[in-house]
C-alpha atoms as a PDB file:
ATOM      1  CA  MET A   1     116.675  95.189  95.993  1.00  0.00           C
ATOM      2  CA  ASP A   2     113.597  93.761  93.908  1.00  0.00           C
ATOM      3  CA  LYS A   3     113.570  95.085  90.238  1.00  0.00           C
ATOM      4  CA  ARG A   4     110.282  96.284  90.734  1.00  0.00           C
ATOM      5  CA  LYS A   5     111.111  97.883  94.211  1.00  0.00           C
ATOM      6  CA  THR A   6     113.895  99.864  91.952  1.00  0.00           C
ATOM      7  CA  VAL A   7     111.724 100.790  89.283  1.00  0.00           C
ATOM      8  CA  GLY A   8     109.180 102.194  91.201  1.00  0.00           C
ATOM      9  CA  THR A   9     111.344 104.222  93.289  1.00  0.00           C
ATOM     10  CA  GLU A  10     112.569 105.625  90.207  1.00  0.00           C
ATOM     11  CA  LYS A  11     109.329 106.237  88.866  1.00  0.00           C
ATOM     12  CA  PHE A  12     108.157 108.095  92.483  1.00  0.00           C
ATOM     13  CA  ASN A  13     111.487 110.159  92.189  1.00  0.00           C
ATOM     14  CA  LEU A  14     111.135 111.635  88.602  1.00  0.00           C
ATOM     15  CA  VAL A  15     107.559 112.341  89.199  1.00  0.00           C
ATOM     16  CA  HIS A  16     108.566 114.182  92.528  1.00  0.00           C
ATOM     17  CA  ARG A  17     111.073 116.136  90.318  1.00  0.00           C
ATOM     18  CA  GLU A  18     108.777 116.868  87.606  1.00  0.00           C
ATOM     19  CA  LEU A  19     106.484 118.700  90.444  1.00  0.00           C
ATOM     20  CA  ILE A  20     108.828 120.276  91.731  1.00  0.00           C
ATOM     21  CA  SER A  21     110.025 121.761  88.778  1.00  0.00           C
ATOM     22  CA  LYS A  22     106.187 122.560  87.730  1.00  0.00           C
ATOM     23  CA  SER A  23     105.944 124.224  91.360  1.00  0.00           C
ATOM     24  CA  LYS A  24     109.300 126.436  90.557  1.00  0.00           C
ATOM     25  CA  GLN A  25     107.711 127.235  87.152  1.00  0.00           C
ATOM     26  CA  ILE A  26     104.388 128.644  88.791  1.00  0.00           C
ATOM     27  CA  LEU A  27     106.133 130.538  91.113  1.00  0.00           C
ATOM     28  CA  ALA A  28     108.619 132.128  88.691  1.00  0.00           C
ATOM     29  CA  SER A  29     104.981 133.370  86.648  1.00  0.00           C
ATOM     30  CA  SER A  30     102.535 134.087  89.683  1.00  0.00           C
ATOM     31  CA  SER A  31     102.859 134.524  93.482  1.00  0.00           C
ATOM     32  CA  PHE A  32     103.697 131.786  96.121  1.00  0.00           C
ATOM     33  CA  LEU A  33      99.972 131.793  97.321  1.00  0.00           C
ATOM     34  CA  ASP A  34      99.289 130.756  93.792  1.00  0.00           C
ATOM     35  CA  LEU A  35     101.213 127.188  94.676  1.00  0.00           C
ATOM     36  CA  THR A  36      98.386 125.265  95.395  1.00  0.00           C
ATOM     37  CA  PHE A  37      97.988 121.537  94.696  1.00  0.00           C
ATOM     38  CA  GLN A  38      95.261 122.383  92.083  1.00  0.00           C
ATOM     39  CA  ASN A  39      97.156 124.722  90.271  1.00  0.00           C
ATOM     40  CA  LEU A  40     100.120 122.339  90.052  1.00  0.00           C
ATOM     41  CA  SER A  41      97.491 119.456  88.821  1.00  0.00           C
ATOM     42  CA  LYS A  42      96.185 121.387  86.668  1.00  0.00           C
ATOM     43  CA  SER A  43      99.701 122.424  85.163  1.00  0.00           C
ATOM     44  CA  SER A  44     101.825 119.452  85.616  1.00  0.00           C
ATOM     45  CA  ASN A  45      98.830 117.121  84.019  1.00  0.00           C
ATOM     46  CA  TYR A  46      99.357 115.152  87.311  1.00  0.00           C
ATOM     47  CA  SER A  47      96.040 114.301  89.604  1.00  0.00           C
ATOM     48  CA  LYS A  48      95.722 115.660  92.647  1.00  0.00           C
ATOM     49  CA  THR A  49      95.478 112.606  93.873  1.00  0.00           C
ATOM     50  CA  THR A  50      99.283 111.829  92.782  1.00  0.00           C
ATOM     51  CA  ILE A  51     100.295 114.945  94.551  1.00  0.00           C
ATOM     52  CA  TYR A  52      98.573 114.393  97.750  1.00  0.00           C
ATOM     53  CA  TYR A  53     100.641 111.109  97.473  1.00  0.00           C
ATOM     54  CA  HIS A  54     103.938 112.812  96.988  1.00  0.00           C
ATOM     55  CA  PHE A  55     103.442 115.560  99.573  1.00  0.00           C
ATOM     56  CA  ASN A  56     101.566 113.601 102.163  1.00  0.00           C
ATOM     57  CA  SER A  57      98.511 116.108 102.097  1.00  0.00           C
ATOM     58  CA  ASP A  58     100.717 118.541 103.275  1.00  0.00           C
ATOM     59  CA  ILE A  59     101.151 121.548 101.206  1.00  0.00           C
ATOM     60  CA  ASN A  60     103.958 122.964 103.639  1.00  0.00           C
ATOM     61  CA  LEU A  61     105.839 119.752 102.358  1.00  0.00           C
ATOM     62  CA  LEU A  62     105.494 120.708  99.000  1.00  0.00           C
ATOM     63  CA  TYR A  63     107.005 124.393 100.037  1.00  0.00           C
ATOM     64  CA  HIS A  64     109.765 122.778 101.892  1.00  0.00           C
ATOM     65  CA  ASP A  65     110.639 120.773  98.858  1.00  0.00           C
ATOM     66  CA  VAL A  66     110.782 123.369  96.278  1.00  0.00           C
ATOM     67  CA  LEU A  67     112.540 126.221  98.833  1.00  0.00           C
ATOM     68  CA  LYS A  68     115.184 122.669  99.248  1.00  0.00           C
ATOM     69  CA  SER A  69     115.055 123.009  95.568  1.00  0.00           C
ATOM     70  CA  PHE A  70     116.364 126.646  95.349  1.00  0.00           C
ATOM     71  CA  ARG A  71     118.778 126.511  97.946  1.00  0.00           C
ATOM     72  CA  LEU A  72     120.555 123.461  95.995  1.00  0.00           C
ATOM     73  CA  GLU A  73     120.718 125.419  93.271  1.00  0.00           C
ATOM     74  CA  ILE A  74     121.853 128.851  94.545  1.00  0.00           C
ATOM     75  CA  SER A  75     124.857 126.742  96.472  1.00  0.00           C
ATOM     76  CA  LYS A  76     125.677 125.415  93.299  1.00  0.00           C
ATOM     77  CA  ASN A  77     125.767 128.499  91.327  1.00  0.00           C
ATOM     78  CA  ILE A  78     127.906 129.633  94.298  1.00  0.00           C
ATOM     79  CA  GLU A  79     130.363 127.246  93.969  1.00  0.00           C
ATOM     80  CA  GLU A  80     130.347 127.663  89.951  1.00  0.00           C
ATOM     81  CA  MET A  81     131.090 131.176  90.974  1.00  0.00           C
ATOM     82  CA  ASN A  82     134.443 130.072  92.811  1.00  0.00           C
ATOM     83  CA  ILE A  83     133.417 132.273  96.385  1.00  0.00           C
ATOM     84  CA  LYS A  84     135.453 130.864  98.860  1.00  0.00           C
ATOM     85  CA  ASP A  85     133.022 130.826 101.572  1.00  0.00           C
ATOM     86  CA  SER A  86     129.482 130.162 100.063  1.00  0.00           C
ATOM     87  CA  LYS A  87     127.964 129.687 103.302  1.00  0.00           C
ATOM     88  CA  GLN A  88     128.062 132.875 103.690  1.00  0.00           C
ATOM     89  CA  TYR A  89     125.475 133.724 101.041  1.00  0.00           C
ATOM     90  CA  ILE A  90     123.107 130.862 102.070  1.00  0.00           C
ATOM     91  CA  ILE A  91     120.473 130.918 104.044  1.00  0.00           C
END
C-alpha cells in the first residue's frame, strides 16, 4: 500500500476516534439531544466540515458509531469480569 494512503488512513482513524470520544463526553455531561455536529465541533476543535466528512453528513452515523463504541466497552468490561455467557448482557 502507498505510504501516503496509509498515513492518510491512520490520520482519518485517529480523528474519528477523537470525535467518538468527544461525543461520549458530551453524552456524559448532557442529554442525547445535545449531541449535534455543531456541539461536537465546539467541544472537539474540529470544523463542522471535518465532522460532516467523517459521518457523511448524517447524524445517525455519528449516533451509530457512538453506540457501537459503548457496546464494545461494555463487552470488554463483561469479559474482564469473567462472566461466562456475556452475550446475554449485551443488547
